[in-house]
Amino acid sequence: MARNLLGARLARPLDGGRCWFDGRPLFGHSKTLRGVFSALLLTALTAPLLGYGVRLGLSVGALAMAGDLLSSFLKRRLGLAPSSMALGLDQIPESLLPALVLRGAFGLDGDEVLTVSGAFFLLGLVLSALLYAVGIRKQPY
């Protein structure tokens, strides 16, 4: 979605094209400054609408992006191409990391952390398919 709004602005890869010891990219070309800044801005703006502070929104966004980058790093180590589907690995770290770290701020217990992550997993699959159907995503996952 950020790609459609911002075009090539901030489209630089976060890893700068650098490779890990295995010769594979750290994250890949699809992890950009544009994506991280967009996620941080969106979570910061959305948090007050849900009754939370901007700082908490930024924390959620930063931790979600850290989880997403961890997923991308692991996918590159496994030899998977950027934007390829890795069911679970694509969704779980991005939701589990913020839910675990910020569980106190949201008043979540262990079961609720797992529920949040599971709901994010399922919702992510459904939304991805819908966004693909309306032409916002290039792939259905």
Protein backbone atom coordinates (compact mmCIF):
# COMPACT_ATOMS: atom_id res chain seq x y z
CA MET A 1 0.00 0.00 0.00
CA ALA A 2 2.84 2.40 0.85
CA ARG A 3 4.32 1.61 -2.56
CA ASN A 4 1.14 2.84 -4.23
CA LEU A 5 1.09 6.06 -2.19
CA LEU A 6 4.79 6.95 -2.12
CA GLY A 7 6.08 5.44 -5.34
CA ALA A 8 9.88 5.24 -5.36
CA ARG A 9 10.34 7.60 -2.40
CA LEU A 10 12.21 5.89 0.44
CA ALA A 11 12.28 2.65 -1.55
CA ARG A 12 15.88 1.95 -0.56
CA PRO A 13 16.48 -1.53 0.87
CA LEU A 14 17.19 -1.50 4.61
CA ASP A 15 20.14 -3.82 4.17
CA GLY A 16 21.69 -1.60 1.48
CA GLY A 17 22.22 -4.69 -0.64
CA ARG A 18 24.60 -6.19 1.92
CA CYS A 19 24.94 -9.93 2.30
CA TRP A 20 25.41 -12.17 5.32
CA PHE A 21 28.27 -14.66 5.68
CA ASP A 22 26.31 -17.15 3.58
CA GLY A 23 26.35 -14.78 0.59
CA ARG A 24 22.60 -14.16 0.78
CA PRO A 25 21.07 -10.72 1.41
CA LEU A 26 20.45 -9.76 5.04
CA PHE A 27 16.75 -9.01 4.43
CA GLY A 28 16.26 -8.63 0.68
CA HIS A 29 15.18 -5.80 -1.58
CA SER A 30 11.54 -5.82 -0.43
CA LYS A 31 12.36 -4.56 3.09
CA THR A 32 12.64 -0.80 2.60
CA LEU A 33 12.83 2.44 4.54
CA ARG A 34 9.44 3.26 3.03
CA GLY A 35 7.88 0.19 4.63
CA VAL A 36 9.33 0.79 8.08
CA PHE A 37 8.46 4.50 8.13
CA SER A 38 4.96 3.74 6.87
CA ALA A 39 4.40 1.13 9.57
CA LEU A 40 5.65 3.47 12.29
CA LEU A 41 3.50 6.33 11.05
CA LEU A 42 0.39 4.17 10.71
CA THR A 43 0.69 2.65 14.18
CA ALA A 44 1.42 6.04 15.75
CA LEU A 45 -1.64 7.58 14.10
CA THR A 46 -3.91 4.61 14.80
CA ALA A 47 -3.06 4.17 18.50
CA PRO A 48 -4.94 7.30 19.70
CA LEU A 49 -8.01 6.21 17.73
CA LEU A 50 -7.98 3.03 19.81
CA GLY A 51 -7.44 4.85 23.10
CA TYR A 52 -3.66 4.37 23.37
CA GLY A 53 -0.80 6.84 23.28
CA VAL A 54 1.34 7.64 20.27
CA ARG A 55 4.43 6.28 22.05
CA LEU A 56 2.75 2.90 22.56
CA GLY A 57 1.70 2.93 18.91
CA LEU A 58 5.29 3.59 17.85
CA SER A 59 6.45 0.77 20.12
CA VAL A 60 3.98 -1.65 18.54
CA GLY A 61 5.10 -0.58 15.06
CA ALA A 62 8.81 -0.84 15.86
CA LEU A 63 8.45 -4.28 17.46
CA ALA A 64 6.27 -5.52 14.60
CA MET A 65 8.88 -4.34 12.11
CA ALA A 66 11.64 -6.02 14.16
CA GLY A 67 9.64 -9.27 14.00
CA ASP A 68 9.11 -8.82 10.28
CA LEU A 69 12.83 -8.23 9.72
CA LEU A 70 13.64 -11.33 11.78
CA SER A 71 11.30 -13.31 9.52
CA SER A 72 12.97 -11.94 6.40
CA PHE A 73 16.42 -12.66 7.80
CA LEU A 74 15.42 -16.27 8.55
CA LYS A 75 13.79 -16.68 5.13
CA ARG A 76 17.00 -15.56 3.43
CA ARG A 77 18.98 -18.06 5.53
CA LEU A 78 16.56 -20.78 4.39
CA GLY A 79 17.12 -19.75 0.77
CA LEU A 80 13.58 -18.45 0.23
CA ALA A 81 13.14 -15.58 -2.19
CA PRO A 82 11.96 -12.14 -0.99
CA SER A 83 8.14 -11.93 -0.95
CA SER A 84 7.85 -15.72 -1.12
CA MET A 85 5.33 -17.38 1.19
CA ALA A 86 6.53 -19.03 4.40
CA LEU A 87 3.31 -19.81 6.24
CA GLY A 88 3.63 -18.86 9.90
CA LEU A 89 7.12 -17.41 9.57
CA ASP A 90 5.64 -14.50 7.62
CA GLN A 91 3.00 -13.69 10.24
CA ILE A 92 3.88 -14.93 13.71
CA PRO A 93 7.08 -13.03 14.65
CA GLU A 94 5.50 -9.76 13.49
CA SER A 95 2.63 -10.16 15.95
CA LEU A 96 4.17 -12.28 18.68
CA LEU A 97 7.10 -9.95 19.42
CA PRO A 98 4.99 -6.84 20.15
CA ALA A 99 2.39 -8.89 22.05
CA LEU A 100 5.07 -10.46 24.25
CA VAL A 101 7.08 -7.31 24.91
CA LEU A 102 4.05 -5.06 25.45
CA ARG A 103 1.79 -7.57 27.21
CA GLY A 104 1.90 -5.50 30.41
CA ALA A 105 0.85 -2.31 28.61
CA PHE A 106 -2.11 -4.14 27.10
CA GLY A 107 -2.86 -6.27 30.17
CA LEU A 108 -2.40 -9.56 28.32
CA ASP A 109 -1.68 -12.92 29.94
CA GLY A 110 0.14 -15.76 28.16
CA ASP A 111 -2.98 -17.24 26.61
CA GLU A 112 -4.08 -13.84 25.34
CA VAL A 113 -0.65 -13.23 23.78
CA LEU A 114 -1.08 -16.49 21.84
CA THR A 115 -4.64 -15.56 20.92
CA VAL A 116 -3.54 -12.16 19.60
CA SER A 117 -0.80 -13.78 17.53
CA GLY A 118 -3.16 -16.46 16.21
CA ALA A 119 -5.80 -13.87 15.31
CA PHE A 120 -3.16 -11.76 13.54
CA PHE A 121 -2.05 -14.86 11.62
CA LEU A 122 -5.57 -15.63 10.40
CA LEU A 123 -6.53 -12.01 9.76
CA GLY A 124 -3.29 -11.48 7.85
CA LEU A 125 -4.07 -14.33 5.48
CA VAL A 126 -7.62 -13.08 4.86
CA LEU A 127 -6.59 -9.43 4.38
CA SER A 128 -3.74 -10.38 2.11
CA ALA A 129 -6.11 -12.28 -0.18
CA LEU A 130 -8.56 -9.36 -0.18
CA LEU A 131 -5.86 -6.80 -0.94
CA TYR A 132 -4.64 -9.00 -3.78
CA ALA A 133 -8.20 -9.30 -5.13
CA VAL A 134 -8.59 -5.51 -5.30
CA GLY A 135 -5.13 -5.02 -6.85
CA ILE A 136 -3.27 -3.48 -3.91
CA ARG A 137 -0.99 -6.48 -3.33
CA LYS A 138 1.04 -8.05 -6.10
CA GLN A 139 0.74 -11.57 -4.58
CA PRO A 140 -2.17 -13.21 -2.74
CA TYR A 141 -0.11 -13.84 0.44
